[in-house]
Amino acid sequence: MSYKSSIKIRLYLNDKVALGPGKADLLDAIMQNGSISAAGRAMDMSYKRAWDLVNTMNESFANPIVVTAKGGSHGGGAEVTEFGQQILKQYRQALLNAEKAIEVEMLSLYHHLTR
C-alpha cells in the first residue's frame, strides 16, 4: 500500500461555488479544446452543464474568466481570459500550499492505517 492523500478546495460566493476542482478542470479543458462544448465532451459533461459552470464563474468574479465567440462560418469557440488563467494558477498554487501544509499530519495518520 502506498501513501496518498488529497484535499479539495472550493471558493464560495454566497451559496455558489465560484471555483473548485471541477471548474478548474473545466478551465483546463477549455484551454486544451478551444470551446465549451468540446471541453464538456472531453469531461463527459453536457454542454449545458459546462456552460452553467462557466456562467457561474463569470458571474462570481469581477472580470470574465471565459469569453466566447458565436458560431459562424469559422465556428464559435471559447477562451480562458488572461485573468481566468491567473485565477486558475492562483487556485492551483493554493491547493499545492494546502497539501504541503497538511503533509506531515496526513503521513502520520497514514502510518496508523491497517495494512
N, C-alpha and C. Protein backbone atom coordinates (compact mmCIF):
# COMPACT_ATOMS: atom_id res chain seq x y z
N MET A 1 0.85 -1.18 0.00
CA MET A 1 0.00 0.00 0.00
C MET A 1 0.90 1.24 0.00
N SER A 2 0.60 2.18 -0.88
CA SER A 2 1.40 3.39 -0.92
C SER A 2 0.61 4.58 -0.37
N TYR A 3 1.33 5.52 0.15
CA TYR A 3 0.72 6.70 0.77
C TYR A 3 0.15 7.61 -0.30
N LYS A 4 -1.08 8.06 -0.09
CA LYS A 4 -1.71 9.03 -0.96
C LYS A 4 -2.80 9.73 -0.17
N SER A 5 -2.87 11.03 -0.32
CA SER A 5 -3.97 11.79 0.25
C SER A 5 -4.29 12.93 -0.72
N SER A 6 -5.46 13.46 -0.60
CA SER A 6 -5.82 14.61 -1.43
C SER A 6 -6.83 15.46 -0.68
N ILE A 7 -6.86 16.72 -1.05
CA ILE A 7 -7.84 17.64 -0.48
C ILE A 7 -8.55 18.33 -1.63
N LYS A 8 -9.72 18.83 -1.33
CA LYS A 8 -10.49 19.60 -2.30
C LYS A 8 -10.77 20.97 -1.69
N ILE A 9 -10.49 21.98 -2.46
CA ILE A 9 -10.72 23.35 -2.00
C ILE A 9 -11.77 23.97 -2.91
N ARG A 10 -12.76 24.58 -2.29
CA ARG A 10 -13.80 25.27 -3.03
C ARG A 10 -13.89 26.71 -2.52
N LEU A 11 -13.99 27.63 -3.44
CA LEU A 11 -14.16 29.04 -3.11
C LEU A 11 -15.62 29.38 -3.35
N TYR A 12 -16.30 29.85 -2.31
CA TYR A 12 -17.73 30.14 -2.39
C TYR A 12 -17.98 31.64 -2.50
N LEU A 13 -19.00 31.98 -3.25
CA LEU A 13 -19.56 33.31 -3.24
C LEU A 13 -21.03 33.11 -2.89
N ASN A 14 -21.38 33.52 -1.69
CA ASN A 14 -22.72 33.24 -1.14
C ASN A 14 -22.92 31.73 -1.12
N ASP A 15 -23.93 31.22 -1.79
CA ASP A 15 -24.18 29.78 -1.74
C ASP A 15 -23.69 29.04 -2.98
N LYS A 16 -22.97 29.72 -3.86
CA LYS A 16 -22.48 29.10 -5.09
C LYS A 16 -20.98 28.87 -5.02
N VAL A 17 -20.54 27.79 -5.64
CA VAL A 17 -19.10 27.51 -5.74
C VAL A 17 -18.57 28.34 -6.91
N ALA A 18 -17.77 29.36 -6.58
CA ALA A 18 -17.18 30.21 -7.60
C ALA A 18 -16.06 29.47 -8.33
N LEU A 19 -15.31 28.67 -7.57
CA LEU A 19 -14.20 27.92 -8.15
C LEU A 19 -13.92 26.71 -7.27
N GLY A 20 -13.75 25.58 -7.90
CA GLY A 20 -13.44 24.35 -7.21
C GLY A 20 -12.74 23.40 -8.16
N PRO A 21 -12.52 22.17 -7.76
CA PRO A 21 -11.76 21.22 -8.59
C PRO A 21 -12.38 20.99 -9.97
N GLY A 22 -13.69 20.81 -10.03
CA GLY A 22 -14.34 20.56 -11.31
C GLY A 22 -14.28 21.75 -12.24
N LYS A 23 -14.48 22.93 -11.70
CA LYS A 23 -14.42 24.15 -12.52
C LYS A 23 -12.98 24.39 -13.00
N ALA A 24 -12.01 24.12 -12.14
CA ALA A 24 -10.61 24.27 -12.55
C ALA A 24 -10.28 23.30 -13.69
N ASP A 25 -10.75 22.06 -13.57
CA ASP A 25 -10.53 21.08 -14.64
C ASP A 25 -11.22 21.50 -15.93
N LEU A 26 -12.42 22.10 -15.80
CA LEU A 26 -13.13 22.59 -16.98
C LEU A 26 -12.34 23.70 -17.66
N LEU A 27 -11.76 24.60 -16.89
CA LEU A 27 -10.93 25.66 -17.50
C LEU A 27 -9.76 25.06 -18.25
N ASP A 28 -9.11 24.06 -17.67
CA ASP A 28 -8.02 23.37 -18.38
C ASP A 28 -8.52 22.77 -19.69
N ALA A 29 -9.70 22.14 -19.63
CA ALA A 29 -10.27 21.51 -20.83
C ALA A 29 -10.63 22.54 -21.90
N ILE A 30 -11.12 23.69 -21.48
CA ILE A 30 -11.42 24.76 -22.44
C ILE A 30 -10.14 25.24 -23.10
N MET A 31 -9.08 25.39 -22.33
CA MET A 31 -7.80 25.83 -22.90
C MET A 31 -7.26 24.79 -23.88
N GLN A 32 -7.47 23.52 -23.59
CA GLN A 32 -6.97 22.46 -24.47
C GLN A 32 -7.82 22.29 -25.72
N ASN A 33 -9.15 22.48 -25.59
CA ASN A 33 -10.06 22.16 -26.68
C ASN A 33 -10.60 23.37 -27.44
N GLY A 34 -10.51 24.56 -26.86
CA GLY A 34 -10.92 25.75 -27.57
C GLY A 34 -12.41 26.03 -27.61
N SER A 35 -13.20 25.23 -26.94
CA SER A 35 -14.63 25.50 -26.87
C SER A 35 -15.23 24.86 -25.63
N ILE A 36 -16.37 25.39 -25.22
CA ILE A 36 -17.05 24.85 -24.06
C ILE A 36 -17.63 23.48 -24.38
N SER A 37 -18.20 23.34 -25.57
CA SER A 37 -18.81 22.05 -25.94
C SER A 37 -17.76 20.95 -26.02
N ALA A 38 -16.62 21.23 -26.63
CA ALA A 38 -15.56 20.23 -26.74
C ALA A 38 -14.98 19.91 -25.37
N ALA A 39 -14.85 20.93 -24.53
CA ALA A 39 -14.35 20.70 -23.17
C ALA A 39 -15.33 19.82 -22.39
N GLY A 40 -16.62 20.10 -22.53
CA GLY A 40 -17.63 19.28 -21.88
C GLY A 40 -17.58 17.84 -22.35
N ARG A 41 -17.47 17.64 -23.66
CA ARG A 41 -17.37 16.27 -24.19
C ARG A 41 -16.15 15.56 -23.64
N ALA A 42 -15.02 16.27 -23.56
CA ALA A 42 -13.78 15.68 -23.05
C ALA A 42 -13.93 15.26 -21.59
N MET A 43 -14.84 15.91 -20.88
CA MET A 43 -15.04 15.61 -19.46
C MET A 43 -16.30 14.79 -19.23
N ASP A 44 -16.91 14.27 -20.30
CA ASP A 44 -18.18 13.53 -20.18
C ASP A 44 -19.26 14.36 -19.50
N MET A 45 -19.37 15.60 -19.92
CA MET A 45 -20.30 16.54 -19.33
C MET A 45 -21.14 17.16 -20.45
N SER A 46 -22.39 17.40 -20.20
CA SER A 46 -23.22 18.01 -21.23
C SER A 46 -22.78 19.45 -21.46
N TYR A 47 -23.12 19.96 -22.65
CA TYR A 47 -22.80 21.35 -22.96
C TYR A 47 -23.49 22.27 -21.96
N LYS A 48 -24.76 21.97 -21.63
CA LYS A 48 -25.49 22.82 -20.69
C LYS A 48 -24.80 22.88 -19.34
N ARG A 49 -24.36 21.73 -18.85
CA ARG A 49 -23.67 21.68 -17.55
C ARG A 49 -22.38 22.50 -17.62
N ALA A 50 -21.60 22.29 -18.67
CA ALA A 50 -20.35 23.03 -18.83
C ALA A 50 -20.62 24.53 -18.92
N TRP A 51 -21.63 24.91 -19.71
CA TRP A 51 -21.96 26.32 -19.86
C TRP A 51 -22.41 26.90 -18.53
N ASP A 52 -23.22 26.16 -17.76
CA ASP A 52 -23.67 26.64 -16.45
C ASP A 52 -22.49 26.88 -15.51
N LEU A 53 -21.50 25.98 -15.53
CA LEU A 53 -20.32 26.15 -14.69
C LEU A 53 -19.53 27.39 -15.10
N VAL A 54 -19.36 27.58 -16.40
CA VAL A 54 -18.66 28.76 -16.91
C VAL A 54 -19.42 30.02 -16.52
N ASN A 55 -20.73 29.99 -16.67
CA ASN A 55 -21.56 31.14 -16.33
C ASN A 55 -21.43 31.50 -14.85
N THR A 56 -21.43 30.49 -13.99
CA THR A 56 -21.27 30.73 -12.55
C THR A 56 -19.92 31.39 -12.27
N MET A 57 -18.86 30.89 -12.92
CA MET A 57 -17.54 31.50 -12.71
C MET A 57 -17.54 32.95 -13.18
N ASN A 58 -18.08 33.18 -14.38
CA ASN A 58 -18.08 34.55 -14.92
C ASN A 58 -18.91 35.50 -14.06
N GLU A 59 -20.00 35.02 -13.47
CA GLU A 59 -20.83 35.86 -12.61
C GLU A 59 -20.18 36.09 -11.24
N SER A 60 -19.32 35.18 -10.82
CA SER A 60 -18.73 35.24 -9.49
C SER A 60 -17.53 36.18 -9.39
N PHE A 61 -16.78 36.28 -10.46
CA PHE A 61 -15.55 37.06 -10.42
C PHE A 61 -15.76 38.46 -11.01
N ALA A 62 -14.90 39.38 -10.61
CA ALA A 62 -15.00 40.77 -11.04
C ALA A 62 -14.78 40.94 -12.55
N ASN A 63 -14.01 40.04 -13.13
CA ASN A 63 -13.73 40.07 -14.57
C ASN A 63 -14.07 38.72 -15.16
N PRO A 64 -14.33 38.68 -16.47
CA PRO A 64 -14.67 37.39 -17.10
C PRO A 64 -13.53 36.38 -16.98
N ILE A 65 -13.91 35.13 -16.74
CA ILE A 65 -12.96 34.02 -16.68
C ILE A 65 -12.85 33.38 -18.06
N VAL A 66 -13.98 33.28 -18.74
CA VAL A 66 -14.06 32.69 -20.08
C VAL A 66 -14.83 33.64 -20.97
N VAL A 67 -14.35 33.84 -22.20
CA VAL A 67 -15.09 34.60 -23.21
C VAL A 67 -15.41 33.65 -24.35
N THR A 68 -16.54 33.90 -24.98
CA THR A 68 -16.98 33.04 -26.08
C THR A 68 -17.15 33.85 -27.35
N ALA A 69 -17.06 33.14 -28.46
CA ALA A 69 -17.33 33.73 -29.78
C ALA A 69 -18.47 32.95 -30.39
N LYS A 70 -19.43 33.65 -30.96
CA LYS A 70 -20.56 32.98 -31.59
C LYS A 70 -20.09 32.19 -32.80
N GLY A 71 -20.86 31.15 -33.12
CA GLY A 71 -20.56 30.34 -34.30
C GLY A 71 -20.74 31.13 -35.56
N GLY A 72 -20.40 30.56 -36.63
CA GLY A 72 -20.48 31.20 -37.94
C GLY A 72 -19.73 30.34 -38.92
N SER A 73 -19.26 30.94 -39.99
CA SER A 73 -18.55 30.16 -41.00
C SER A 73 -17.27 29.55 -40.45
N HIS A 74 -16.68 30.20 -39.46
CA HIS A 74 -15.45 29.67 -38.85
C HIS A 74 -15.72 28.98 -37.52
N GLY A 75 -17.00 28.87 -37.17
CA GLY A 75 -17.35 28.21 -35.91
C GLY A 75 -17.16 29.13 -34.73
N GLY A 76 -17.71 28.74 -33.61
CA GLY A 76 -17.57 29.53 -32.39
C GLY A 76 -16.33 29.09 -31.64
N GLY A 77 -16.35 29.32 -30.38
CA GLY A 77 -15.23 28.90 -29.56
C GLY A 77 -15.27 29.60 -28.22
N ALA A 78 -14.35 29.24 -27.40
CA ALA A 78 -14.24 29.85 -26.07
C ALA A 78 -12.78 29.95 -25.72
N GLU A 79 -12.50 30.93 -24.90
CA GLU A 79 -11.11 31.16 -24.48
C GLU A 79 -11.10 31.54 -23.02
N VAL A 80 -10.18 30.96 -22.28
CA VAL A 80 -9.96 31.37 -20.90
C VAL A 80 -9.15 32.66 -20.96
N THR A 81 -9.68 33.71 -20.36
CA THR A 81 -9.03 35.01 -20.42
C THR A 81 -7.70 34.98 -19.65
N GLU A 82 -6.92 36.01 -19.84
CA GLU A 82 -5.67 36.14 -19.08
C GLU A 82 -5.99 36.20 -17.59
N PHE A 83 -7.05 36.92 -17.24
CA PHE A 83 -7.50 36.99 -15.84
C PHE A 83 -7.88 35.59 -15.36
N GLY A 84 -8.62 34.84 -16.18
CA GLY A 84 -9.01 33.48 -15.83
C GLY A 84 -7.81 32.57 -15.63
N GLN A 85 -6.81 32.72 -16.48
CA GLN A 85 -5.60 31.92 -16.35
C GLN A 85 -4.87 32.27 -15.05
N GLN A 86 -4.86 33.54 -14.71
CA GLN A 86 -4.24 33.98 -13.45
C GLN A 86 -4.99 33.40 -12.25
N ILE A 87 -6.31 33.44 -12.29
CA ILE A 87 -7.13 32.88 -11.21
C ILE A 87 -6.88 31.38 -11.08
N LEU A 88 -6.84 30.68 -12.22
CA LEU A 88 -6.59 29.24 -12.21
C LEU A 88 -5.22 28.92 -11.63
N LYS A 89 -4.22 29.68 -12.02
CA LYS A 89 -2.87 29.47 -11.49
C LYS A 89 -2.83 29.70 -9.98
N GLN A 90 -3.50 30.75 -9.53
CA GLN A 90 -3.53 31.06 -8.10
C GLN A 90 -4.27 29.96 -7.33
N TYR A 91 -5.36 29.45 -7.90
CA TYR A 91 -6.12 28.36 -7.27
C TYR A 91 -5.24 27.12 -7.15
N ARG A 92 -4.56 26.75 -8.23
CA ARG A 92 -3.69 25.56 -8.20
C ARG A 92 -2.57 25.74 -7.18
N GLN A 93 -2.03 26.95 -7.07
CA GLN A 93 -0.96 27.20 -6.08
C GLN A 93 -1.51 27.09 -4.66
N ALA A 94 -2.71 27.60 -4.43
CA ALA A 94 -3.33 27.49 -3.10
C ALA A 94 -3.52 26.01 -2.74
N LEU A 95 -3.91 25.21 -3.71
CA LEU A 95 -4.09 23.78 -3.48
C LEU A 95 -2.76 23.12 -3.11
N LEU A 96 -1.70 23.44 -3.84
CA LEU A 96 -0.37 22.91 -3.52
C LEU A 96 0.07 23.34 -2.12
N ASN A 97 -0.15 24.60 -1.80
CA ASN A 97 0.23 25.11 -0.48
C ASN A 97 -0.52 24.39 0.63
N ALA A 98 -1.80 24.14 0.41
CA ALA A 98 -2.62 23.44 1.41
C ALA A 98 -2.14 22.00 1.57
N GLU A 99 -1.84 21.34 0.47
CA GLU A 99 -1.35 19.96 0.54
C GLU A 99 -0.03 19.89 1.30
N LYS A 100 0.85 20.84 1.06
CA LYS A 100 2.13 20.88 1.78
C LYS A 100 1.90 21.13 3.27
N ALA A 101 0.93 21.98 3.58
CA ALA A 101 0.67 22.35 4.98
C ALA A 101 0.17 21.16 5.80
N ILE A 102 -0.51 20.21 5.17
CA ILE A 102 -1.05 19.08 5.93
C ILE A 102 -0.26 17.79 5.70
N GLU A 103 0.80 17.85 4.93
CA GLU A 103 1.56 16.65 4.56
C GLU A 103 2.05 15.86 5.77
N VAL A 104 2.64 16.51 6.74
CA VAL A 104 3.20 15.82 7.91
C VAL A 104 2.09 15.11 8.69
N GLU A 105 0.99 15.82 8.92
CA GLU A 105 -0.10 15.22 9.67
C GLU A 105 -0.73 14.05 8.92
N MET A 106 -0.91 14.20 7.61
CA MET A 106 -1.51 13.13 6.82
C MET A 106 -0.61 11.90 6.78
N LEU A 107 0.70 12.10 6.68
CA LEU A 107 1.64 10.98 6.68
C LEU A 107 1.58 10.26 8.03
N SER A 108 1.49 11.04 9.11
CA SER A 108 1.37 10.44 10.43
C SER A 108 0.09 9.62 10.54
N LEU A 109 -1.01 10.15 10.05
CA LEU A 109 -2.27 9.40 10.06
C LEU A 109 -2.16 8.13 9.21
N TYR A 110 -1.47 8.22 8.09
CA TYR A 110 -1.30 7.08 7.20
C TYR A 110 -0.65 5.91 7.94
N HIS A 111 0.32 6.21 8.77
CA HIS A 111 1.03 5.15 9.49
C HIS A 111 0.16 4.43 10.51
N HIS A 112 -1.00 5.00 10.82
CA HIS A 112 -1.95 4.37 11.74
C HIS A 112 -2.98 3.50 11.02
N LEU A 113 -2.93 3.48 9.70
CA LEU A 113 -3.88 2.66 8.94
C LEU A 113 -3.50 1.18 9.03
N THR A 114 -4.49 0.33 8.92
CA THR A 114 -4.20 -1.11 8.87
C THR A 114 -3.71 -1.42 7.45
N ARG A 115 -2.86 -2.40 7.37
CA ARG A 115 -2.30 -2.70 6.05
C ARG A 115 -2.60 -4.09 5.63
